Amino acid sequence: MSHTEIIEKTNQFLVEEFEVEQEAITPEAILKDTLGLDSLDYIDLVVVIENNFHFKVKPEDFVGISTFHDFYNYIASKVATKETA
């Protein structure tokens, strides 16, 4: 899966699941603020990621994620690891 495909798929489920405008999702936007995430929303986000990309997400994985750019890179690295396994 290419990085562009990951971004498109991610943005699609974020718009649907978190009812955020597509235009608000930019690489430099802050993930938590843009999606309006609270602690329960993070659980929903984990479930959506796992269902769409088929890898397990650990809570500590979110420590270094601030922007959508960080988020895309995280997913891309997990997908790449899964594809080579």
PDB file of N, CA and C in Angstrom:
ATOM      1  N   MET A   1       0.846  -1.174   0.000  1.00  0.00           N
ATOM      2  CA  MET A   1       0.000   0.000   0.000  1.00  0.00           C
ATOM      3  C   MET A   1       0.892   1.237   0.000  1.00  0.00           C
ATOM      4  N   SER A   2       0.636   2.155  -0.907  1.00  0.00           N
ATOM      5  CA  SER A   2       1.464   3.358  -1.007  1.00  0.00           C
ATOM      6  C   SER A   2       1.098   4.370   0.081  1.00  0.00           C
ATOM      7  N   HIS A   3       1.994   5.312   0.303  1.00  0.00           N
ATOM      8  CA  HIS A   3       1.760   6.358   1.299  1.00  0.00           C
ATOM      9  C   HIS A   3       0.506   7.169   0.921  1.00  0.00           C
ATOM     10  N   THR A   4       0.334   7.444  -0.355  1.00  0.00           N
ATOM     11  CA  THR A   4      -0.837   8.189  -0.823  1.00  0.00           C
ATOM     12  C   THR A   4      -2.120   7.409  -0.540  1.00  0.00           C
ATOM     13  N   GLU A   5      -2.101   6.111  -0.772  1.00  0.00           N
ATOM     14  CA  GLU A   5      -3.270   5.275  -0.491  1.00  0.00           C
ATOM     15  C   GLU A   5      -3.590   5.260   1.000  1.00  0.00           C
ATOM     16  N   ILE A   6      -2.561   5.223   1.826  1.00  0.00           N
ATOM     17  CA  ILE A   6      -2.752   5.254   3.274  1.00  0.00           C
ATOM     18  C   ILE A   6      -3.404   6.574   3.686  1.00  0.00           C
ATOM     19  N   ILE A   7      -2.923   7.677   3.154  1.00  0.00           N
ATOM     20  CA  ILE A   7      -3.490   8.988   3.483  1.00  0.00           C
ATOM     21  C   ILE A   7      -4.953   9.060   3.055  1.00  0.00           C
ATOM     22  N   GLU A   8      -5.244   8.623   1.838  1.00  0.00           N
ATOM     23  CA  GLU A   8      -6.621   8.678   1.340  1.00  0.00           C
ATOM     24  C   GLU A   8      -7.554   7.812   2.185  1.00  0.00           C
ATOM     25  N   LYS A   9      -7.138   6.605   2.481  1.00  0.00           N
ATOM     26  CA  LYS A   9      -7.966   5.688   3.280  1.00  0.00           C
ATOM     27  C   LYS A   9      -8.162   6.238   4.695  1.00  0.00           C
ATOM     28  N   THR A  10      -7.098   6.754   5.279  1.00  0.00           N
ATOM     29  CA  THR A  10      -7.166   7.320   6.623  1.00  0.00           C
ATOM     30  C   THR A  10      -8.110   8.503   6.664  1.00  0.00           C
ATOM     31  N   ASN A  11      -7.946   9.420   5.733  1.00  0.00           N
ATOM     32  CA  ASN A  11      -8.808  10.600   5.714  1.00  0.00           C
ATOM     33  C   ASN A  11     -10.269  10.218   5.535  1.00  0.00           C
ATOM     34  N   GLN A  12     -10.517   9.220   4.708  1.00  0.00           N
ATOM     35  CA  GLN A  12     -11.885   8.781   4.467  1.00  0.00           C
ATOM     36  C   GLN A  12     -12.544   8.292   5.759  1.00  0.00           C
ATOM     37  N   PHE A  13     -11.865   7.432   6.515  1.00  0.00           N
ATOM     38  CA  PHE A  13     -12.508   6.943   7.733  1.00  0.00           C
ATOM     39  C   PHE A  13     -12.541   7.998   8.833  1.00  0.00           C
ATOM     40  N   LEU A  14     -11.605   8.936   8.838  1.00  0.00           N
ATOM     41  CA  LEU A  14     -11.666  10.017   9.825  1.00  0.00           C
ATOM     42  C   LEU A  14     -12.865  10.921   9.573  1.00  0.00           C
ATOM     43  N   VAL A  15     -13.118  11.245   8.316  1.00  0.00           N
ATOM     44  CA  VAL A  15     -14.271  12.077   7.956  1.00  0.00           C
ATOM     45  C   VAL A  15     -15.567  11.364   8.352  1.00  0.00           C
ATOM     46  N   GLU A  16     -15.650  10.072   8.056  1.00  0.00           N
ATOM     47  CA  GLU A  16     -16.863   9.306   8.349  1.00  0.00           C
ATOM     48  C   GLU A  16     -17.062   9.074   9.844  1.00  0.00           C
ATOM     49  N   GLU A  17     -16.024   8.643  10.525  1.00  0.00           N
ATOM     50  CA  GLU A  17     -16.153   8.252  11.935  1.00  0.00           C
ATOM     51  C   GLU A  17     -16.170   9.429  12.906  1.00  0.00           C
ATOM     52  N   PHE A  18     -15.432  10.482  12.584  1.00  0.00           N
ATOM     53  CA  PHE A  18     -15.297  11.599  13.518  1.00  0.00           C
ATOM     54  C   PHE A  18     -16.001  12.862  13.040  1.00  0.00           C
ATOM     55  N   GLU A  19     -16.722  12.738  11.938  1.00  0.00           N
ATOM     56  CA  GLU A  19     -17.532  13.829  11.396  1.00  0.00           C
ATOM     57  C   GLU A  19     -16.757  15.151  11.330  1.00  0.00           C
ATOM     58  N   VAL A  20     -15.585  15.066  10.735  1.00  0.00           N
ATOM     59  CA  VAL A  20     -14.740  16.237  10.547  1.00  0.00           C
ATOM     60  C   VAL A  20     -14.715  16.557   9.053  1.00  0.00           C
ATOM     61  N   GLU A  21     -14.600  17.822   8.729  1.00  0.00           N
ATOM     62  CA  GLU A  21     -14.537  18.239   7.330  1.00  0.00           C
ATOM     63  C   GLU A  21     -13.203  17.814   6.718  1.00  0.00           C
ATOM     64  N   GLN A  22     -13.262  17.317   5.503  1.00  0.00           N
ATOM     65  CA  GLN A  22     -12.060  16.891   4.779  1.00  0.00           C
ATOM     66  C   GLN A  22     -11.021  18.009   4.725  1.00  0.00           C
ATOM     67  N   GLU A  23     -11.475  19.239   4.547  1.00  0.00           N
ATOM     68  CA  GLU A  23     -10.559  20.386   4.419  1.00  0.00           C
ATOM     69  C   GLU A  23      -9.781  20.658   5.702  1.00  0.00           C
ATOM     70  N   ALA A  24     -10.314  20.220   6.833  1.00  0.00           N
ATOM     71  CA  ALA A  24      -9.641  20.447   8.116  1.00  0.00           C
ATOM     72  C   ALA A  24      -8.462  19.504   8.315  1.00  0.00           C
ATOM     73  N   ILE A  25      -8.429  18.429   7.537  1.00  0.00           N
ATOM     74  CA  ILE A  25      -7.369  17.428   7.684  1.00  0.00           C
ATOM     75  C   ILE A  25      -6.220  17.784   6.752  1.00  0.00           C
ATOM     76  N   THR A  26      -5.195  18.367   7.350  1.00  0.00           N
ATOM     77  CA  THR A  26      -3.984  18.718   6.612  1.00  0.00           C
ATOM     78  C   THR A  26      -2.792  18.100   7.349  1.00  0.00           C
ATOM     79  N   PRO A  27      -1.697  17.847   6.640  1.00  0.00           N
ATOM     80  CA  PRO A  27      -0.552  17.190   7.297  1.00  0.00           C
ATOM     81  C   PRO A  27      -0.059  17.892   8.557  1.00  0.00           C
ATOM     82  N   GLU A  28      -0.121  19.223   8.586  1.00  0.00           N
ATOM     83  CA  GLU A  28       0.414  19.949   9.733  1.00  0.00           C
ATOM     84  C   GLU A  28      -0.613  20.215  10.830  1.00  0.00           C
ATOM     85  N   ALA A  29      -1.874  19.872  10.601  1.00  0.00           N
ATOM     86  CA  ALA A  29      -2.921  20.068  11.607  1.00  0.00           C
ATOM     87  C   ALA A  29      -2.702  19.123  12.789  1.00  0.00           C
ATOM     88  N   ILE A  30      -3.082  19.588  13.969  1.00  0.00           N
ATOM     89  CA  ILE A  30      -2.947  18.784  15.181  1.00  0.00           C
ATOM     90  C   ILE A  30      -4.086  17.766  15.235  1.00  0.00           C
ATOM     91  N   LEU A  31      -3.738  16.496  15.295  1.00  0.00           N
ATOM     92  CA  LEU A  31      -4.708  15.403  15.255  1.00  0.00           C
ATOM     93  C   LEU A  31      -5.769  15.549  16.348  1.00  0.00           C
ATOM     94  N   LYS A  32      -5.340  15.688  17.587  1.00  0.00           N
ATOM     95  CA  LYS A  32      -6.259  15.747  18.724  1.00  0.00           C
ATOM     96  C   LYS A  32      -7.222  16.924  18.613  1.00  0.00           C
ATOM     97  N   ASP A  33      -6.715  18.082  18.258  1.00  0.00           N
ATOM     98  CA  ASP A  33      -7.555  19.279  18.165  1.00  0.00           C
ATOM     99  C   ASP A  33      -8.517  19.211  16.990  1.00  0.00           C
ATOM    100  N   THR A  34      -8.026  18.783  15.847  1.00  0.00           N
ATOM    101  CA  THR A  34      -8.848  18.739  14.634  1.00  0.00           C
ATOM    102  C   THR A  34     -10.000  17.758  14.780  1.00  0.00           C
ATOM    103  N   LEU A  35      -9.722  16.605  15.371  1.00  0.00           N
ATOM    104  CA  LEU A  35     -10.757  15.585  15.536  1.00  0.00           C
ATOM    105  C   LEU A  35     -11.555  15.764  16.821  1.00  0.00           C
ATOM    106  N   GLY A  36     -11.103  16.656  17.701  1.00  0.00           N
ATOM    107  CA  GLY A  36     -11.787  16.874  18.970  1.00  0.00           C
ATOM    108  C   GLY A  36     -11.753  15.633  19.852  1.00  0.00           C
ATOM    109  N   LEU A  37     -10.598  14.985  19.917  1.00  0.00           N
ATOM    110  CA  LEU A  37     -10.472  13.712  20.629  1.00  0.00           C
ATOM    111  C   LEU A  37     -10.399  13.881  22.140  1.00  0.00           C
ATOM    112  N   ASP A  38     -11.188  13.057  22.831  1.00  0.00           N
ATOM    113  CA  ASP A  38     -11.013  12.900  24.271  1.00  0.00           C
ATOM    114  C   ASP A  38     -10.532  11.464  24.491  1.00  0.00           C
ATOM    115  N   SER A  39     -10.397  11.058  25.735  1.00  0.00           N
ATOM    116  CA  SER A  39      -9.822   9.726  25.991  1.00  0.00           C
ATOM    117  C   SER A  39     -10.664   8.596  25.405  1.00  0.00           C
ATOM    118  N   LEU A  40     -11.984   8.719  25.421  1.00  0.00           N
ATOM    119  CA  LEU A  40     -12.836   7.688  24.828  1.00  0.00           C
ATOM    120  C   LEU A  40     -12.731   7.676  23.306  1.00  0.00           C
ATOM    121  N   ASP A  41     -12.555   8.852  22.709  1.00  0.00           N
ATOM    122  CA  ASP A  41     -12.408   8.924  21.257  1.00  0.00           C
ATOM    123  C   ASP A  41     -11.136   8.224  20.781  1.00  0.00           C
ATOM    124  N   TYR A  42     -10.096   8.253  21.610  1.00  0.00           N
ATOM    125  CA  TYR A  42      -8.865   7.551  21.245  1.00  0.00           C
ATOM    126  C   TYR A  42      -9.120   6.052  21.112  1.00  0.00           C
ATOM    127  N   ILE A  43      -9.988   5.528  21.964  1.00  0.00           N
ATOM    128  CA  ILE A  43     -10.342   4.105  21.869  1.00  0.00           C
ATOM    129  C   ILE A  43     -11.041   3.843  20.537  1.00  0.00           C
ATOM    130  N   ASP A  44     -11.972   4.726  20.174  1.00  0.00           N
ATOM    131  CA  ASP A  44     -12.646   4.593  18.883  1.00  0.00           C
ATOM    132  C   ASP A  44     -11.650   4.662  17.738  1.00  0.00           C
ATOM    133  N   LEU A  45     -10.689   5.569  17.849  1.00  0.00           N
ATOM    134  CA  LEU A  45      -9.680   5.730  16.811  1.00  0.00           C
ATOM    135  C   LEU A  45      -8.842   4.456  16.671  1.00  0.00           C
ATOM    136  N   VAL A  46      -8.463   3.870  17.791  1.00  0.00           N
ATOM    137  CA  VAL A  46      -7.693   2.623  17.770  1.00  0.00           C
ATOM    138  C   VAL A  46      -8.476   1.527  17.061  1.00  0.00           C
ATOM    139  N   VAL A  47      -9.752   1.394  17.391  1.00  0.00           N
ATOM    140  CA  VAL A  47     -10.597   0.361  16.783  1.00  0.00           C
ATOM    141  C   VAL A  47     -10.698   0.568  15.274  1.00  0.00           C
ATOM    142  N   VAL A  48     -10.885   1.816  14.858  1.00  0.00           N
ATOM    143  CA  VAL A  48     -11.013   2.122  13.434  1.00  0.00           C
ATOM    144  C   VAL A  48      -9.707   1.813  12.698  1.00  0.00           C
ATOM    145  N   ILE A  49      -8.576   2.163  13.293  1.00  0.00           N
ATOM    146  CA  ILE A  49      -7.275   1.870  12.678  1.00  0.00           C
ATOM    147  C   ILE A  49      -7.097   0.358  12.533  1.00  0.00           C
ATOM    148  N   GLU A  50      -7.372  -0.355  13.620  1.00  0.00           N
ATOM    149  CA  GLU A  50      -7.193  -1.810  13.590  1.00  0.00           C
ATOM    150  C   GLU A  50      -8.105  -2.467  12.560  1.00  0.00           C
ATOM    151  N   ASN A  51      -9.333  -1.993  12.455  1.00  0.00           N
ATOM    152  CA  ASN A  51     -10.275  -2.563  11.487  1.00  0.00           C
ATOM    153  C   ASN A  51      -9.896  -2.252  10.044  1.00  0.00           C
ATOM    154  N   ASN A  52      -9.345  -1.079   9.804  1.00  0.00           N
ATOM    155  CA  ASN A  52      -9.014  -0.671   8.440  1.00  0.00           C
ATOM    156  C   ASN A  52      -7.655  -1.166   7.969  1.00  0.00           C
ATOM    157  N   PHE A  53      -6.699  -1.274   8.886  1.00  0.00           N
ATOM    158  CA  PHE A  53      -5.338  -1.616   8.482  1.00  0.00           C
ATOM    159  C   PHE A  53      -4.854  -2.965   9.020  1.00  0.00           C
ATOM    160  N   HIS A  54      -5.632  -3.580   9.876  1.00  0.00           N
ATOM    161  CA  HIS A  54      -5.372  -4.938  10.353  1.00  0.00           C
ATOM    162  C   HIS A  54      -4.030  -5.119  11.058  1.00  0.00           C
ATOM    163  N   PHE A  55      -3.748  -4.208  11.992  1.00  0.00           N
ATOM    164  CA  PHE A  55      -2.626  -4.382  12.912  1.00  0.00           C
ATOM    165  C   PHE A  55      -3.060  -3.872  14.278  1.00  0.00           C
ATOM    166  N   LYS A  56      -2.398  -4.358  15.310  1.00  0.00           N
ATOM    167  CA  LYS A  56      -2.724  -3.969  16.677  1.00  0.00           C
ATOM    168  C   LYS A  56      -2.074  -2.636  17.018  1.00  0.00           C
ATOM    169  N   VAL A  57      -2.832  -1.799  17.703  1.00  0.00           N
ATOM    170  CA  VAL A  57      -2.345  -0.494  18.139  1.00  0.00           C
ATOM    171  C   VAL A  57      -2.209  -0.529  19.653  1.00  0.00           C
ATOM    172  N   LYS A  58      -1.061  -0.084  20.144  1.00  0.00           N
ATOM    173  CA  LYS A  58      -0.834   0.017  21.580  1.00  0.00           C
ATOM    174  C   LYS A  58      -1.008   1.470  21.998  1.00  0.00           C
ATOM    175  N   PRO A  59      -1.545   1.721  23.183  1.00  0.00           N
ATOM    176  CA  PRO A  59      -1.736   3.112  23.626  1.00  0.00           C
ATOM    177  C   PRO A  59      -0.450   3.935  23.580  1.00  0.00           C
ATOM    178  N   GLU A  60       0.671   3.305  23.919  1.00  0.00           N
ATOM    179  CA  GLU A  60       1.931   4.049  23.918  1.00  0.00           C
ATOM    180  C   GLU A  60       2.375   4.464  22.513  1.00  0.00           C
ATOM    181  N   ASP A  61       1.781   3.865  21.478  1.00  0.00           N
ATOM    182  CA  ASP A  61       2.109   4.243  20.101  1.00  0.00           C
ATOM    183  C   ASP A  61       1.737   5.692  19.814  1.00  0.00           C
ATOM    184  N   PHE A  62       0.773   6.230  20.552  1.00  0.00           N
ATOM    185  CA  PHE A  62       0.308   7.591  20.291  1.00  0.00           C
ATOM    186  C   PHE A  62       1.179   8.664  20.946  1.00  0.00           C
ATOM    187  N   VAL A  63       2.141   8.257  21.746  1.00  0.00           N
ATOM    188  CA  VAL A  63       2.971   9.222  22.463  1.00  0.00           C
ATOM    189  C   VAL A  63       3.648  10.211  21.518  1.00  0.00           C
ATOM    190  N   GLY A  64       4.194   9.758  20.422  1.00  0.00           N
ATOM    191  CA  GLY A  64       4.924  10.641  19.516  1.00  0.00           C
ATOM    192  C   GLY A  64       4.087  11.232  18.394  1.00  0.00           C
ATOM    193  N   ILE A  65       2.780  11.002  18.427  1.00  0.00           N
ATOM    194  CA  ILE A  65       1.923  11.471  17.340  1.00  0.00           C
ATOM    195  C   ILE A  65       1.236  12.761  17.742  1.00  0.00           C
ATOM    196  N   SER A  66       1.512  13.803  16.975  1.00  0.00           N
ATOM    197  CA  SER A  66       0.879  15.094  17.228  1.00  0.00           C
ATOM    198  C   SER A  66       0.069  15.544  16.012  1.00  0.00           C
ATOM    199  N   THR A  67       0.709  15.537  14.859  1.00  0.00           N
ATOM    200  CA  THR A  67       0.066  16.022  13.638  1.00  0.00           C
ATOM    201  C   THR A  67      -0.458  14.858  12.789  1.00  0.00           C
ATOM    202  N   PHE A  68      -1.238  15.200  11.782  1.00  0.00           N
ATOM    203  CA  PHE A  68      -1.687  14.173  10.846  1.00  0.00           C
ATOM    204  C   PHE A  68      -0.502  13.564  10.114  1.00  0.00           C
ATOM    205  N   HIS A  69       0.516  14.366   9.840  1.00  0.00           N
ATOM    206  CA  HIS A  69       1.737  13.853   9.204  1.00  0.00           C
ATOM    207  C   HIS A  69       2.337  12.724  10.053  1.00  0.00           C
ATOM    208  N   ASP A  70       2.447  12.961  11.359  1.00  0.00           N
ATOM    209  CA  ASP A  70       2.953  11.929  12.279  1.00  0.00           C
ATOM    210  C   ASP A  70       2.068  10.689  12.232  1.00  0.00           C
ATOM    211  N   PHE A  71       0.762  10.915  12.213  1.00  0.00           N
ATOM    212  CA  PHE A  71      -0.219   9.836  12.208  1.00  0.00           C
ATOM    213  C   PHE A  71      -0.093   8.984  10.951  1.00  0.00           C
ATOM    214  N   TYR A  72       0.015   9.641   9.794  1.00  0.00           N
ATOM    215  CA  TYR A  72       0.182   8.912   8.529  1.00  0.00           C
ATOM    216  C   TYR A  72       1.471   8.092   8.540  1.00  0.00           C
ATOM    217  N   ASN A  73       2.540   8.690   9.036  1.00  0.00           N
ATOM    218  CA  ASN A  73       3.820   7.984   9.075  1.00  0.00           C
ATOM    219  C   ASN A  73       3.768   6.778  10.008  1.00  0.00           C
ATOM    220  N   TYR A  74       3.075   6.926  11.117  1.00  0.00           N
ATOM    221  CA  TYR A  74       2.895   5.804  12.046  1.00  0.00           C
ATOM    222  C   TYR A  74       2.181   4.650  11.348  1.00  0.00           C
ATOM    223  N   ILE A  75       1.063   4.952  10.705  1.00  0.00           N
ATOM    224  CA  ILE A  75       0.296   3.907  10.014  1.00  0.00           C
ATOM    225  C   ILE A  75       1.140   3.285   8.902  1.00  0.00           C
ATOM    226  N   ALA A  76       1.831   4.121   8.129  1.00  0.00           N
ATOM    227  CA  ALA A  76       2.658   3.612   7.032  1.00  0.00           C
ATOM    228  C   ALA A  76       3.741   2.667   7.549  1.00  0.00           C
ATOM    229  N   SER A  77       4.365   3.009   8.667  1.00  0.00           N
ATOM    230  CA  SER A  77       5.419   2.142   9.205  1.00  0.00           C
ATOM    231  C   SER A  77       4.850   0.815   9.688  1.00  0.00           C
ATOM    232  N   LYS A  78       3.666   0.845  10.297  1.00  0.00           N
ATOM    233  CA  LYS A  78       3.032  -0.390  10.761  1.00  0.00           C
ATOM    234  C   LYS A  78       2.592  -1.252   9.579  1.00  0.00           C
ATOM    235  N   VAL A  79       2.043  -0.632   8.552  1.00  0.00           N
ATOM    236  CA  VAL A  79       1.615  -1.366   7.363  1.00  0.00           C
ATOM    237  C   VAL A  79       2.828  -1.983   6.680  1.00  0.00           C
ATOM    238  N   ALA A  80       3.916  -1.244   6.565  1.00  0.00           N
ATOM    239  CA  ALA A  80       5.131  -1.750   5.930  1.00  0.00           C
ATOM    240  C   ALA A  80       5.692  -2.933   6.714  1.00  0.00           C
ATOM    241  N   THR A  81       5.690  -2.834   8.029  1.00  0.00           N
ATOM    242  CA  THR A  81       6.173  -3.929   8.876  1.00  0.00           C
ATOM    243  C   THR A  81       5.302  -5.158   8.696  1.00  0.00           C
ATOM    244  N   LYS A  82       3.998  -4.954   8.633  1.00  0.00           N
ATOM    245  CA  LYS A  82       3.061  -6.070   8.464  1.00  0.00           C
ATOM    246  C   LYS A  82       3.245  -6.729   7.094  1.00  0.00           C
ATOM    247  N   GLU A  83       3.482  -5.910   6.055  1.00  0.00           N
ATOM    248  CA  GLU A  83       3.639  -6.443   4.705  1.00  0.00           C
ATOM    249  C   GLU A  83       4.910  -7.250   4.530  1.00  0.00           C
ATOM    250  N   THR A  84       5.944  -6.922   5.295  1.00  0.00           N
ATOM    251  CA  THR A  84       7.214  -7.641   5.171  1.00  0.00           C
ATOM    252  C   THR A  84       7.287  -8.837   6.114  1.00  0.00           C
ATOM    253  N   ALA A  85       6.308  -8.957   7.002  1.00  0.00           N
ATOM    254  CA  ALA A  85       6.319 -10.067   7.979  1.00  0.00           C
ATOM    255  C   ALA A  85       5.893 -11.372   7.341  1.00  0.00           C
TER     256      ALA A  85
END
